[in-house]
PDB file of N, CA and C in Angstrom:
ATOM      1  N   MET A   1     -23.353  -2.094 -10.190  1.00  0.00           N
ATOM      2  CA  MET A   1     -22.289  -1.177  -9.842  1.00  0.00           C
ATOM      3  C   MET A   1     -22.845  -0.111  -8.900  1.00  0.00           C
ATOM      4  N   GLY A   2     -22.073   0.237  -7.904  1.00  0.00           N
ATOM      5  CA  GLY A   2     -22.478   1.245  -6.937  1.00  0.00           C
ATOM      6  C   GLY A   2     -22.317   2.642  -7.501  1.00  0.00           C
ATOM      7  N   PRO A   3     -22.491   3.627  -6.657  1.00  0.00           N
ATOM      8  CA  PRO A   3     -22.395   5.012  -7.118  1.00  0.00           C
ATOM      9  C   PRO A   3     -20.977   5.461  -7.419  1.00  0.00           C
ATOM     10  N   TRP A   4     -19.992   4.710  -6.988  1.00  0.00           N
ATOM     11  CA  TRP A   4     -18.608   5.125  -7.189  1.00  0.00           C
ATOM     12  C   TRP A   4     -17.911   4.264  -8.224  1.00  0.00           C
ATOM     13  N   LEU A   5     -17.067   4.880  -9.009  1.00  0.00           N
ATOM     14  CA  LEU A   5     -16.171   4.173  -9.911  1.00  0.00           C
ATOM     15  C   LEU A   5     -14.999   3.702  -9.074  1.00  0.00           C
ATOM     16  N   THR A   6     -14.608   2.451  -9.205  1.00  0.00           N
ATOM     17  CA  THR A   6     -13.465   1.944  -8.455  1.00  0.00           C
ATOM     18  C   THR A   6     -12.199   2.239  -9.250  1.00  0.00           C
ATOM     19  N   GLU A   7     -11.315   3.037  -8.648  1.00  0.00           N
ATOM     20  CA  GLU A   7     -10.091   3.417  -9.337  1.00  0.00           C
ATOM     21  C   GLU A   7      -9.002   3.765  -8.334  1.00  0.00           C
ATOM     22  N   VAL A   8      -7.782   3.861  -8.832  1.00  0.00           N
ATOM     23  CA  VAL A   8      -6.674   4.320  -8.009  1.00  0.00           C
ATOM     24  C   VAL A   8      -6.716   5.839  -7.957  1.00  0.00           C
ATOM     25  N   VAL A   9      -5.994   6.425  -7.008  1.00  0.00           N
ATOM     26  CA  VAL A   9      -5.905   7.881  -6.896  1.00  0.00           C
ATOM     27  C   VAL A   9      -5.345   8.434  -8.205  1.00  0.00           C
ATOM     28  N   ALA A  10      -5.934   9.532  -8.693  1.00  0.00           N
ATOM     29  CA  ALA A  10      -5.479  10.133  -9.945  1.00  0.00           C
ATOM     30  C   ALA A  10      -5.769  11.624  -9.935  1.00  0.00           C
ATOM     31  N   GLY A  11      -5.051  12.354 -10.761  1.00  0.00           N
ATOM     32  CA  GLY A  11      -5.276  13.784 -10.851  1.00  0.00           C
ATOM     33  C   GLY A  11      -4.602  14.383 -12.061  1.00  0.00           C
ATOM     34  N   ILE A  12      -4.886  15.637 -12.288  1.00  0.00           N
ATOM     35  CA  ILE A  12      -4.347  16.362 -13.431  1.00  0.00           C
ATOM     36  C   ILE A  12      -3.187  17.246 -12.976  1.00  0.00           C
ATOM     37  N   ILE A  13      -2.137  17.254 -13.763  1.00  0.00           N
ATOM     38  CA  ILE A  13      -0.967  18.076 -13.457  1.00  0.00           C
ATOM     39  C   ILE A  13      -1.316  19.536 -13.680  1.00  0.00           C
ATOM     40  N   GLU A  14      -1.130  20.348 -12.641  1.00  0.00           N
ATOM     41  CA  GLU A  14      -1.363  21.792 -12.733  1.00  0.00           C
ATOM     42  C   GLU A  14      -0.097  22.470 -13.241  1.00  0.00           C
ATOM     43  N   GLU A  15      -0.231  23.675 -13.716  1.00  0.00           N
ATOM     44  CA  GLU A  15       0.909  24.461 -14.218  1.00  0.00           C
ATOM     45  C   GLU A  15       2.034  24.477 -13.179  1.00  0.00           C
ATOM     46  N   GLY A  16       3.232  24.096 -13.612  1.00  0.00           N
ATOM     47  CA  GLY A  16       4.403  24.144 -12.749  1.00  0.00           C
ATOM     48  C   GLY A  16       4.572  22.953 -11.817  1.00  0.00           C
ATOM     49  N   GLU A  17       3.672  21.981 -11.848  1.00  0.00           N
ATOM     50  CA  GLU A  17       3.763  20.810 -10.967  1.00  0.00           C
ATOM     51  C   GLU A  17       4.502  19.675 -11.656  1.00  0.00           C
ATOM     52  N   ALA A  18       5.240  18.921 -10.871  1.00  0.00           N
ATOM     53  CA  ALA A  18       5.867  17.695 -11.350  1.00  0.00           C
ATOM     54  C   ALA A  18       4.899  16.539 -11.085  1.00  0.00           C
ATOM     55  N   PRO A  19       4.959  15.486 -11.889  1.00  0.00           N
ATOM     56  CA  PRO A  19       4.063  14.350 -11.678  1.00  0.00           C
ATOM     57  C   PRO A  19       4.118  13.781 -10.244  1.00  0.00           C
ATOM     58  N   GLU A  20       5.305  13.763  -9.654  1.00  0.00           N
ATOM     59  CA  GLU A  20       5.444  13.262  -8.282  1.00  0.00           C
ATOM     60  C   GLU A  20       4.661  14.133  -7.298  1.00  0.00           C
ATOM     61  N   GLU A  21       4.676  15.426  -7.512  1.00  0.00           N
ATOM     62  CA  GLU A  21       3.924  16.347  -6.648  1.00  0.00           C
ATOM     63  C   GLU A  21       2.426  16.100  -6.770  1.00  0.00           C
ATOM     64  N   VAL A  22       1.965  15.828  -7.970  1.00  0.00           N
ATOM     65  CA  VAL A  22       0.550  15.551  -8.194  1.00  0.00           C
ATOM     66  C   VAL A  22       0.151  14.272  -7.467  1.00  0.00           C
ATOM     67  N   ALA A  23       0.986  13.249  -7.563  1.00  0.00           N
ATOM     68  CA  ALA A  23       0.687  11.986  -6.881  1.00  0.00           C
ATOM     69  C   ALA A  23       0.534  12.198  -5.378  1.00  0.00           C
ATOM     70  N   ARG A  24       1.409  12.970  -4.801  1.00  0.00           N
ATOM     71  CA  ARG A  24       1.334  13.247  -3.360  1.00  0.00           C
ATOM     72  C   ARG A  24       0.107  14.106  -3.015  1.00  0.00           C
ATOM     73  N   ARG A  25      -0.129  15.153  -3.800  1.00  0.00           N
ATOM     74  CA  ARG A  25      -1.260  16.046  -3.537  1.00  0.00           C
ATOM     75  C   ARG A  25      -2.592  15.317  -3.672  1.00  0.00           C
ATOM     76  N   GLU A  26      -2.747  14.580  -4.747  1.00  0.00           N
ATOM     77  CA  GLU A  26      -4.009  13.888  -4.986  1.00  0.00           C
ATOM     78  C   GLU A  26      -4.271  12.789  -3.954  1.00  0.00           C
ATOM     79  N   THR A  27      -3.229  12.126  -3.488  1.00  0.00           N
ATOM     80  CA  THR A  27      -3.410  11.108  -2.451  1.00  0.00           C
ATOM     81  C   THR A  27      -3.906  11.751  -1.169  1.00  0.00           C
ATOM     82  N   ARG A  28      -3.366  12.901  -0.850  1.00  0.00           N
ATOM     83  CA  ARG A  28      -3.811  13.648   0.334  1.00  0.00           C
ATOM     84  C   ARG A  28      -5.267  14.089   0.172  1.00  0.00           C
ATOM     85  N   GLU A  29      -5.589  14.672  -0.995  1.00  0.00           N
ATOM     86  CA  GLU A  29      -6.937  15.188  -1.236  1.00  0.00           C
ATOM     87  C   GLU A  29      -7.978  14.075  -1.364  1.00  0.00           C
ATOM     88  N   GLU A  30      -7.652  13.026  -2.106  1.00  0.00           N
ATOM     89  CA  GLU A  30      -8.635  12.003  -2.428  1.00  0.00           C
ATOM     90  C   GLU A  30      -8.724  10.876  -1.412  1.00  0.00           C
ATOM     91  N   ALA A  31      -7.652  10.628  -0.670  1.00  0.00           N
ATOM     92  CA  ALA A  31      -7.660   9.503   0.275  1.00  0.00           C
ATOM     93  C   ALA A  31      -7.391   9.926   1.712  1.00  0.00           C
ATOM     94  N   GLY A  32      -6.975  11.159   1.915  1.00  0.00           N
ATOM     95  CA  GLY A  32      -6.722  11.628   3.273  1.00  0.00           C
ATOM     96  C   GLY A  32      -5.490  11.040   3.921  1.00  0.00           C
ATOM     97  N   ILE A  33      -4.542  10.567   3.110  1.00  0.00           N
ATOM     98  CA  ILE A  33      -3.306   9.993   3.642  1.00  0.00           C
ATOM     99  C   ILE A  33      -2.101  10.582   2.914  1.00  0.00           C
ATOM    100  N   GLU A  34      -0.948  10.440   3.539  1.00  0.00           N
ATOM    101  CA  GLU A  34       0.301  10.976   2.991  1.00  0.00           C
ATOM    102  C   GLU A  34       1.108   9.868   2.321  1.00  0.00           C
ATOM    103  N   VAL A  35       1.743  10.204   1.217  1.00  0.00           N
ATOM    104  CA  VAL A  35       2.647   9.284   0.530  1.00  0.00           C
ATOM    105  C   VAL A  35       4.019   9.393   1.173  1.00  0.00           C
ATOM    106  N   MET A  36       4.568   8.256   1.587  1.00  0.00           N
ATOM    107  CA  MET A  36       5.905   8.233   2.182  1.00  0.00           C
ATOM    108  C   MET A  36       6.984   8.076   1.115  1.00  0.00           C
ATOM    109  N   ASP A  37       6.731   7.215   0.139  1.00  0.00           N
ATOM    110  CA  ASP A  37       7.685   6.955  -0.940  1.00  0.00           C
ATOM    111  C   ASP A  37       6.919   6.720  -2.232  1.00  0.00           C
ATOM    112  N   LEU A  38       7.563   7.049  -3.343  1.00  0.00           N
ATOM    113  CA  LEU A  38       6.988   6.798  -4.663  1.00  0.00           C
ATOM    114  C   LEU A  38       7.947   5.956  -5.489  1.00  0.00           C
ATOM    115  N   MET A  39       7.388   5.002  -6.219  1.00  0.00           N
ATOM    116  CA  MET A  39       8.154   4.181  -7.144  1.00  0.00           C
ATOM    117  C   MET A  39       7.539   4.382  -8.533  1.00  0.00           C
ATOM    118  N   PRO A  40       8.316   4.822  -9.509  1.00  0.00           N
ATOM    119  CA  PRO A  40       7.755   5.010 -10.854  1.00  0.00           C
ATOM    120  C   PRO A  40       7.278   3.692 -11.453  1.00  0.00           C
ATOM    121  N   ILE A  41       6.126   3.734 -12.101  1.00  0.00           N
ATOM    122  CA  ILE A  41       5.612   2.572 -12.830  1.00  0.00           C
ATOM    123  C   ILE A  41       5.874   2.778 -14.317  1.00  0.00           C
ATOM    124  N   CYS A  42       5.244   3.801 -14.899  1.00  0.00           N
ATOM    125  CA  CYS A  42       5.438   4.061 -16.320  1.00  0.00           C
ATOM    126  C   CYS A  42       4.783   5.376 -16.711  1.00  0.00           C
ATOM    127  N   ARG A  43       5.080   5.807 -17.907  1.00  0.00           N
ATOM    128  CA  ARG A  43       4.384   6.919 -18.566  1.00  0.00           C
ATOM    129  C   ARG A  43       3.887   6.329 -19.880  1.00  0.00           C
ATOM    130  N   TYR A  44       2.627   6.590 -20.207  1.00  0.00           N
ATOM    131  CA  TYR A  44       2.099   6.075 -21.471  1.00  0.00           C
ATOM    132  C   TYR A  44       1.115   7.056 -22.103  1.00  0.00           C
ATOM    133  N   LEU A  45       0.980   6.943 -23.409  1.00  0.00           N
ATOM    134  CA  LEU A  45       0.009   7.737 -24.159  1.00  0.00           C
ATOM    135  C   LEU A  45      -1.348   7.053 -24.060  1.00  0.00           C
ATOM    136  N   VAL A  46      -2.370   7.821 -23.764  1.00  0.00           N
ATOM    137  CA  VAL A  46      -3.712   7.267 -23.596  1.00  0.00           C
ATOM    138  C   VAL A  46      -4.236   6.704 -24.911  1.00  0.00           C
ATOM    139  N   SER A  47      -4.071   7.452 -25.989  1.00  0.00           N
ATOM    140  CA  SER A  47      -4.564   7.021 -27.296  1.00  0.00           C
ATOM    141  C   SER A  47      -3.639   7.561 -28.381  1.00  0.00           C
ATOM    142  N   PRO A  48      -2.505   6.892 -28.628  1.00  0.00           N
ATOM    143  CA  PRO A  48      -1.555   7.389 -29.622  1.00  0.00           C
ATOM    144  C   PRO A  48      -2.227   7.614 -30.970  1.00  0.00           C
ATOM    145  N   GLY A  49      -1.949   8.749 -31.559  1.00  0.00           N
ATOM    146  CA  GLY A  49      -2.532   9.087 -32.847  1.00  0.00           C
ATOM    147  C   GLY A  49      -3.870   9.792 -32.734  1.00  0.00           C
ATOM    148  N   GLY A  50      -4.548   9.602 -31.610  1.00  0.00           N
ATOM    149  CA  GLY A  50      -5.840  10.231 -31.428  1.00  0.00           C
ATOM    150  C   GLY A  50      -5.813  11.349 -30.412  1.00  0.00           C
ATOM    151  N   SER A  51      -4.794  11.321 -29.553  1.00  0.00           N
ATOM    152  CA  SER A  51      -4.703  12.310 -28.491  1.00  0.00           C
ATOM    153  C   SER A  51      -3.257  12.409 -28.022  1.00  0.00           C
ATOM    154  N   SER A  52      -2.878  13.579 -27.529  1.00  0.00           N
ATOM    155  CA  SER A  52      -1.529  13.739 -26.975  1.00  0.00           C
ATOM    156  C   SER A  52      -1.527  13.556 -25.457  1.00  0.00           C
ATOM    157  N   GLU A  53      -2.684  13.210 -24.870  1.00  0.00           N
ATOM    158  CA  GLU A  53      -2.779  13.020 -23.422  1.00  0.00           C
ATOM    159  C   GLU A  53      -1.907  11.845 -22.983  1.00  0.00           C
ATOM    160  N   SER A  54      -1.163  12.056 -21.911  1.00  0.00           N
ATOM    161  CA  SER A  54      -0.357  10.969 -21.359  1.00  0.00           C
ATOM    162  C   SER A  54      -0.657  10.823 -19.874  1.00  0.00           C
ATOM    163  N   VAL A  55      -0.340   9.647 -19.356  1.00  0.00           N
ATOM    164  CA  VAL A  55      -0.538   9.319 -17.950  1.00  0.00           C
ATOM    165  C   VAL A  55       0.812   8.913 -17.385  1.00  0.00           C
ATOM    166  N   VAL A  56       1.099   9.376 -16.173  1.00  0.00           N
ATOM    167  CA  VAL A  56       2.289   8.976 -15.446  1.00  0.00           C
ATOM    168  C   VAL A  56       1.803   8.224 -14.214  1.00  0.00           C
ATOM    169  N   LEU A  57       2.235   6.979 -14.084  1.00  0.00           N
ATOM    170  CA  LEU A  57       1.793   6.146 -12.962  1.00  0.00           C
ATOM    171  C   LEU A  57       2.920   5.930 -11.960  1.00  0.00           C
ATOM    172  N   PHE A  58       2.536   5.922 -10.678  1.00  0.00           N
ATOM    173  CA  PHE A  58       3.451   5.630  -9.584  1.00  0.00           C
ATOM    174  C   PHE A  58       2.811   4.612  -8.663  1.00  0.00           C
ATOM    175  N   CYS A  59       3.655   3.878  -7.976  1.00  0.00           N
ATOM    176  CA  CYS A  59       3.228   3.064  -6.847  1.00  0.00           C
ATOM    177  C   CYS A  59       3.647   3.848  -5.610  1.00  0.00           C
ATOM    178  N   GLY A  60       2.710   4.109  -4.731  1.00  0.00           N
ATOM    179  CA  GLY A  60       3.005   4.905  -3.539  1.00  0.00           C
ATOM    180  C   GLY A  60       2.950   4.080  -2.274  1.00  0.00           C
ATOM    181  N   ARG A  61       3.945   4.280  -1.422  1.00  0.00           N
ATOM    182  CA  ARG A  61       3.935   3.625  -0.110  1.00  0.00           C
ATOM    183  C   ARG A  61       3.229   4.556   0.865  1.00  0.00           C
ATOM    184  N   VAL A  62       2.185   4.027   1.512  1.00  0.00           N
ATOM    185  CA  VAL A  62       1.398   4.797   2.469  1.00  0.00           C
ATOM    186  C   VAL A  62       1.132   3.945   3.696  1.00  0.00           C
ATOM    187  N   ASP A  63       0.732   4.587   4.771  1.00  0.00           N
ATOM    188  CA  ASP A  63       0.241   3.882   5.948  1.00  0.00           C
ATOM    189  C   ASP A  63      -1.278   3.922   5.839  1.00  0.00           C
ATOM    190  N   SER A  64      -1.871   2.805   5.462  1.00  0.00           N
ATOM    191  CA  SER A  64      -3.311   2.779   5.227  1.00  0.00           C
ATOM    192  C   SER A  64      -4.123   2.428   6.472  1.00  0.00           C
ATOM    193  N   ARG A  65      -3.434   2.209   7.595  1.00  0.00           N
ATOM    194  CA  ARG A  65      -4.178   1.937   8.826  1.00  0.00           C
ATOM    195  C   ARG A  65      -5.032   3.154   9.152  1.00  0.00           C
ATOM    196  N   GLY A  66      -6.300   2.923   9.331  1.00  0.00           N
ATOM    197  CA  GLY A  66      -7.210   4.017   9.636  1.00  0.00           C
ATOM    198  C   GLY A  66      -7.730   4.759   8.422  1.00  0.00           C
ATOM    199  N   ALA A  67      -7.266   4.386   7.222  1.00  0.00           N
ATOM    200  CA  ALA A  67      -7.749   5.052   6.007  1.00  0.00           C
ATOM    201  C   ALA A  67      -9.184   4.632   5.735  1.00  0.00           C
ATOM    202  N   GLY A  68      -9.928   5.536   5.203  1.00  0.00           N
ATOM    203  CA  GLY A  68     -11.318   5.250   4.855  1.00  0.00           C
ATOM    204  C   GLY A  68     -12.106   6.534   4.866  1.00  0.00           C
ATOM    205  N   GLY A  69     -13.406   6.409   4.718  1.00  0.00           N
ATOM    206  CA  GLY A  69     -14.269   7.579   4.752  1.00  0.00           C
ATOM    207  C   GLY A  69     -14.465   8.197   3.392  1.00  0.00           C
ATOM    208  N   ILE A  70     -15.048   9.377   3.397  1.00  0.00           N
ATOM    209  CA  ILE A  70     -15.344  10.117   2.172  1.00  0.00           C
ATOM    210  C   ILE A  70     -14.394  11.307   2.097  1.00  0.00           C
ATOM    211  N   HIS A  71     -13.747  11.467   0.951  1.00  0.00           N
ATOM    212  CA  HIS A  71     -12.764  12.526   0.756  1.00  0.00           C
ATOM    213  C   HIS A  71     -13.004  13.238  -0.568  1.00  0.00           C
ATOM    214  N   GLY A  72     -12.135  14.194  -0.858  1.00  0.00           N
ATOM    215  CA  GLY A  72     -12.212  14.966  -2.089  1.00  0.00           C
ATOM    216  C   GLY A  72     -12.453  16.426  -1.783  1.00  0.00           C
ATOM    217  N   LEU A  73     -12.305  17.235  -2.802  1.00  0.00           N
ATOM    218  CA  LEU A  73     -12.481  18.667  -2.650  1.00  0.00           C
ATOM    219  C   LEU A  73     -13.891  19.089  -3.072  1.00  0.00           C
ATOM    220  N   ALA A  74     -14.547  19.820  -2.208  1.00  0.00           N
ATOM    221  CA  ALA A  74     -15.892  20.315  -2.529  1.00  0.00           C
ATOM    222  C   ALA A  74     -15.859  21.205  -3.767  1.00  0.00           C
ATOM    223  N   ALA A  75     -14.797  21.995  -3.905  1.00  0.00           N
ATOM    224  CA  ALA A  75     -14.674  22.895  -5.058  1.00  0.00           C
ATOM    225  C   ALA A  75     -14.595  22.125  -6.377  1.00  0.00           C
ATOM    226  N   GLU A  76     -14.156  20.884  -6.316  1.00  0.00           N
ATOM    227  CA  GLU A  76     -14.059  20.045  -7.517  1.00  0.00           C
ATOM    228  C   GLU A  76     -15.214  19.052  -7.595  1.00  0.00           C
ATOM    229  N   HIS A  77     -16.198  19.217  -6.699  1.00  0.00           N
ATOM    230  CA  HIS A  77     -17.381  18.346  -6.660  1.00  0.00           C
ATOM    231  C   HIS A  77     -16.996  16.880  -6.524  1.00  0.00           C
ATOM    232  N   GLU A  78     -15.981  16.614  -5.704  1.00  0.00           N
ATOM    233  CA  GLU A  78     -15.513  15.244  -5.506  1.00  0.00           C
ATOM    234  C   GLU A  78     -16.255  14.608  -4.332  1.00  0.00           C
ATOM    235  N   ASP A  79     -16.576  13.357  -4.498  1.00  0.00           N
ATOM    236  CA  ASP A  79     -17.271  12.551  -3.503  1.00  0.00           C
ATOM    237  C   ASP A  79     -16.601  11.183  -3.551  1.00  0.00           C
ATOM    238  N   ILE A  80     -15.457  11.052  -2.884  1.00  0.00           N
ATOM    239  CA  ILE A  80     -14.587   9.897  -3.060  1.00  0.00           C
ATOM    240  C   ILE A  80     -14.622   9.018  -1.815  1.00  0.00           C
ATOM    241  N   LYS A  81     -15.108   7.806  -1.988  1.00  0.00           N
ATOM    242  CA  LYS A  81     -15.140   6.829  -0.896  1.00  0.00           C
ATOM    243  C   LYS A  81     -13.843   6.027  -0.949  1.00  0.00           C
ATOM    244  N   VAL A  82     -13.083   6.077   0.140  1.00  0.00           N
ATOM    245  CA  VAL A  82     -11.822   5.354   0.213  1.00  0.00           C
ATOM    246  C   VAL A  82     -12.098   3.936   0.696  1.00  0.00           C
ATOM    247  N   ASP A  83     -11.568   2.975  -0.039  1.00  0.00           N
ATOM    248  CA  ASP A  83     -11.748   1.561   0.275  1.00  0.00           C
ATOM    249  C   ASP A  83     -10.382   0.895   0.207  1.00  0.00           C
ATOM    250  N   VAL A  84      -9.867   0.448   1.333  1.00  0.00           N
ATOM    251  CA  VAL A  84      -8.574  -0.236   1.380  1.00  0.00           C
ATOM    252  C   VAL A  84      -8.847  -1.738   1.324  1.00  0.00           C
ATOM    253  N   VAL A  85      -8.215  -2.414   0.369  1.00  0.00           N
ATOM    254  CA  VAL A  85      -8.429  -3.857   0.233  1.00  0.00           C
ATOM    255  C   VAL A  85      -7.081  -4.578   0.234  1.00  0.00           C
ATOM    256  N   PRO A  86      -7.050  -5.800   0.753  1.00  0.00           N
ATOM    257  CA  PRO A  86      -5.812  -6.588   0.711  1.00  0.00           C
ATOM    258  C   PRO A  86      -5.422  -6.902  -0.739  1.00  0.00           C
ATOM    259  N   TYR A  87      -4.160  -7.176  -0.930  1.00  0.00           N
ATOM    260  CA  TYR A  87      -3.621  -7.485  -2.258  1.00  0.00           C
ATOM    261  C   TYR A  87      -4.422  -8.597  -2.941  1.00  0.00           C
ATOM    262  N   ALA A  88      -4.659  -9.699  -2.240  1.00  0.00           N
ATOM    263  CA  ALA A  88      -5.355 -10.841  -2.848  1.00  0.00           C
ATOM    264  C   ALA A  88      -6.745 -10.444  -3.341  1.00  0.00           C
ATOM    265  N   GLU A  89      -7.437  -9.624  -2.590  1.00  0.00           N
ATOM    266  CA  GLU A  89      -8.764  -9.179  -3.010  1.00  0.00           C
ATOM    267  C   GLU A  89      -8.675  -8.264  -4.232  1.00  0.00           C
ATOM    268  N   ALA A  90      -7.693  -7.382  -4.241  1.00  0.00           N
ATOM    269  CA  ALA A  90      -7.517  -6.497  -5.395  1.00  0.00           C
ATOM    270  C   ALA A  90      -7.247  -7.319  -6.656  1.00  0.00           C
ATOM    271  N   MET A  91      -6.421  -8.348  -6.542  1.00  0.00           N
ATOM    272  CA  MET A  91      -6.110  -9.191  -7.696  1.00  0.00           C
ATOM    273  C   MET A  91      -7.341  -9.987  -8.133  1.00  0.00           C
ATOM    274  N   ARG A  92      -8.125 -10.469  -7.184  1.00  0.00           N
ATOM    275  CA  ARG A  92      -9.354 -11.185  -7.516  1.00  0.00           C
ATOM    276  C   ARG A  92     -10.312 -10.256  -8.261  1.00  0.00           C
ATOM    277  N   ARG A  93     -10.461  -9.046  -7.748  1.00  0.00           N
ATOM    278  CA  ARG A  93     -11.363  -8.078  -8.383  1.00  0.00           C
ATOM    279  C   ARG A  93     -10.864  -7.680  -9.776  1.00  0.00           C
ATOM    280  N   LEU A  94      -9.550  -7.585  -9.928  1.00  0.00           N
ATOM    281  CA  LEU A  94      -8.969  -7.314 -11.244  1.00  0.00           C
ATOM    282  C   LEU A  94      -9.325  -8.444 -12.201  1.00  0.00           C
ATOM    283  N   GLU A  95      -9.126  -9.664 -11.762  1.00  0.00           N
ATOM    284  CA  GLU A  95      -9.422 -10.848 -12.578  1.00  0.00           C
ATOM    285  C   GLU A  95     -10.902 -10.918 -12.948  1.00  0.00           C
ATOM    286  N   GLU A  96     -11.769 -10.500 -12.047  1.00  0.00           N
ATOM    287  CA  GLU A  96     -13.216 -10.559 -12.278  1.00  0.00           C
ATOM    288  C   GLU A  96     -13.751  -9.370 -13.088  1.00  0.00           C
ATOM    289  N   GLY A  97     -12.871  -8.428 -13.425  1.00  0.00           N
ATOM    290  CA  GLY A  97     -13.281  -7.308 -14.261  1.00  0.00           C
ATOM    291  C   GLY A  97     -13.972  -6.179 -13.520  1.00  0.00           C
ATOM    292  N   ASP A  98     -13.731  -6.061 -12.218  1.00  0.00           N
ATOM    293  CA  ASP A  98     -14.359  -4.990 -11.431  1.00  0.00           C
ATOM    294  C   ASP A  98     -13.800  -3.611 -11.765  1.00  0.00           C
ATOM    295  N   PHE A  99     -12.616  -3.542 -12.340  1.00  0.00           N
ATOM    296  CA  PHE A  99     -12.002  -2.263 -12.682  1.00  0.00           C
ATOM    297  C   PHE A  99     -12.279  -1.976 -14.152  1.00  0.00           C
ATOM    298  N   THR A 100     -12.840  -0.808 -14.427  1.00  0.00           N
ATOM    299  CA  THR A 100     -13.259  -0.487 -15.790  1.00  0.00           C
ATOM    300  C   THR A 100     -12.507   0.702 -16.368  1.00  0.00           C
ATOM    301  N   ASN A 101     -11.356   1.022 -15.779  1.00  0.00           N
ATOM    302  CA  ASN A 101     -10.561   2.132 -16.297  1.00  0.00           C
ATOM    303  C   ASN A 101      -9.109   1.678 -16.460  1.00  0.00           C
ATOM    304  N   ALA A 102      -8.492   2.118 -17.540  1.00  0.00           N
ATOM    305  CA  ALA A 102      -7.153   1.658 -17.908  1.00  0.00           C
ATOM    306  C   ALA A 102      -6.102   1.981 -16.851  1.00  0.00           C
ATOM    307  N   ILE A 103      -6.192   3.144 -16.225  1.00  0.00           N
ATOM    308  CA  ILE A 103      -5.183   3.521 -15.229  1.00  0.00           C
ATOM    309  C   ILE A 103      -5.120   2.490 -14.108  1.00  0.00           C
ATOM    310  N   SER A 104      -6.265   2.113 -13.573  1.00  0.00           N
ATOM    311  CA  SER A 104      -6.292   1.137 -12.476  1.00  0.00           C
ATOM    312  C   SER A 104      -5.842  -0.238 -12.945  1.00  0.00           C
ATOM    313  N   ILE A 105      -6.287  -0.654 -14.114  1.00  0.00           N
ATOM    314  CA  ILE A 105      -5.912  -1.974 -14.634  1.00  0.00           C
ATOM    315  C   ILE A 105      -4.406  -2.046 -14.842  1.00  0.00           C
ATOM    316  N   ILE A 106      -3.818  -1.039 -15.459  1.00  0.00           N
ATOM    317  CA  ILE A 106      -2.370  -1.031 -15.697  1.00  0.00           C
ATOM    318  C   ILE A 106      -1.611  -1.018 -14.373  1.00  0.00           C
ATOM    319  N   ALA A 107      -2.042  -0.181 -13.435  1.00  0.00           N
ATOM    320  CA  ALA A 107      -1.361  -0.096 -12.134  1.00  0.00           C
ATOM    321  C   ALA A 107      -1.411  -1.432 -11.401  1.00  0.00           C
ATOM    322  N   LEU A 108      -2.565  -2.081 -11.390  1.00  0.00           N
ATOM    323  CA  LEU A 108      -2.693  -3.353 -10.673  1.00  0.00           C
ATOM    324  C   LEU A 108      -1.953  -4.483 -11.374  1.00  0.00           C
ATOM    325  N   GLN A 109      -1.956  -4.494 -12.696  1.00  0.00           N
ATOM    326  CA  GLN A 109      -1.181  -5.511 -13.411  1.00  0.00           C
ATOM    327  C   GLN A 109       0.311  -5.321 -13.157  1.00  0.00           C
ATOM    328  N   TRP A 110       0.757  -4.064 -13.108  1.00  0.00           N
ATOM    329  CA  TRP A 110       2.159  -3.785 -12.786  1.00  0.00           C
ATOM    330  C   TRP A 110       2.475  -4.310 -11.388  1.00  0.00           C
ATOM    331  N   LEU A 111       1.592  -4.056 -10.432  1.00  0.00           N
ATOM    332  CA  LEU A 111       1.815  -4.531  -9.070  1.00  0.00           C
ATOM    333  C   LEU A 111       1.899  -6.053  -9.030  1.00  0.00           C
ATOM    334  N   ALA A 112       1.053  -6.723  -9.776  1.00  0.00           N
ATOM    335  CA  ALA A 112       1.099  -8.188  -9.811  1.00  0.00           C
ATOM    336  C   ALA A 112       2.458  -8.681 -10.311  1.00  0.00           C
ATOM    337  N   LEU A 113       3.030  -7.990 -11.285  1.00  0.00           N
ATOM    338  CA  LEU A 113       4.331  -8.377 -11.840  1.00  0.00           C
ATOM    339  C   LEU A 113       5.509  -8.001 -10.944  1.00  0.00           C
ATOM    340  N   HIS A 114       5.364  -6.932 -10.161  1.00  0.00           N
ATOM    341  CA  HIS A 114       6.503  -6.369  -9.430  1.00  0.00           C
ATOM    342  C   HIS A 114       6.332  -6.370  -7.915  1.00  0.00           C
ATOM    343  N   ARG A 115       5.361  -7.092  -7.398  1.00  0.00           N
ATOM    344  CA  ARG A 115       5.086  -7.057  -5.956  1.00  0.00           C
ATOM    345  C   ARG A 115       6.318  -7.426  -5.120  1.00  0.00           C
ATOM    346  N   GLY A 116       7.050  -8.441  -5.541  1.00  0.00           N
ATOM    347  CA  GLY A 116       8.240  -8.858  -4.807  1.00  0.00           C
ATOM    348  C   GLY A 116       9.272  -7.745  -4.714  1.00  0.00           C
ATOM    349  N   ARG A 117       9.491  -7.048  -5.809  1.00  0.00           N
ATOM    350  CA  ARG A 117      10.461  -5.948  -5.844  1.00  0.00           C
ATOM    351  C   ARG A 117      10.003  -4.804  -4.946  1.00  0.00           C
ATOM    352  N   VAL A 118       8.703  -4.504  -4.976  1.00  0.00           N
ATOM    353  CA  VAL A 118       8.151  -3.440  -4.133  1.00  0.00           C
ATOM    354  C   VAL A 118       8.320  -3.790  -2.667  1.00  0.00           C
ATOM    355  N   ARG A 119       7.973  -5.010  -2.314  1.00  0.00           N
ATOM    356  CA  ARG A 119       8.074  -5.433  -0.906  1.00  0.00           C
ATOM    357  C   ARG A 119       9.532  -5.423  -0.437  1.00  0.00           C
ATOM    358  N   ALA A 120      10.449  -5.844  -1.308  1.00  0.00           N
ATOM    359  CA  ALA A 120      11.871  -5.842  -0.943  1.00  0.00           C
ATOM    360  C   ALA A 120      12.375  -4.414  -0.732  1.00  0.00           C
ATOM    361  N   ALA A 121      11.943  -3.503  -1.583  1.00  0.00           N
ATOM    362  CA  ALA A 121      12.409  -2.111  -1.478  1.00  0.00           C
ATOM    363  C   ALA A 121      11.847  -1.423  -0.245  1.00  0.00           C
ATOM    364  N   TRP A 122      10.618  -1.765   0.159  1.00  0.00           N
ATOM    365  CA  TRP A 122       9.940  -1.036   1.233  1.00  0.00           C
ATOM    366  C   TRP A 122       9.763  -1.853   2.503  1.00  0.00           C
ATOM    367  N   ALA A 123      10.434  -2.989   2.598  1.00  0.00           N
ATOM    368  CA  ALA A 123      10.294  -3.849   3.789  1.00  0.00           C
ATOM    369  C   ALA A 123      10.916  -3.195   5.013  1.00  0.00           C
TER     370      ALA A 123
END
């Protein structure tokens, strides 16, 4: 494994922020790109009975042409390498167990189930 954890864009909701605002802000900060549209995926409890922490997932439509490089906020000690991969490669990597965090696994499995609907909505 390299120095970076492979994951989707994620962040913590700040006081007064809506989950959609966080998705847009974190995509800008962590990937250097703007979200054009958001499609809700789900909200789930990370560990029911053990924690009240919840995650809200979205699928975001972005223009990834030219995306890449190192991003993140210095104040948050972020060192985020952006890697854009084709759908087939992402699914192969999912199948091979390259993703080791639940947020990314759930998001990619959702995409595998709903790719047709996403493409129809954003074509």
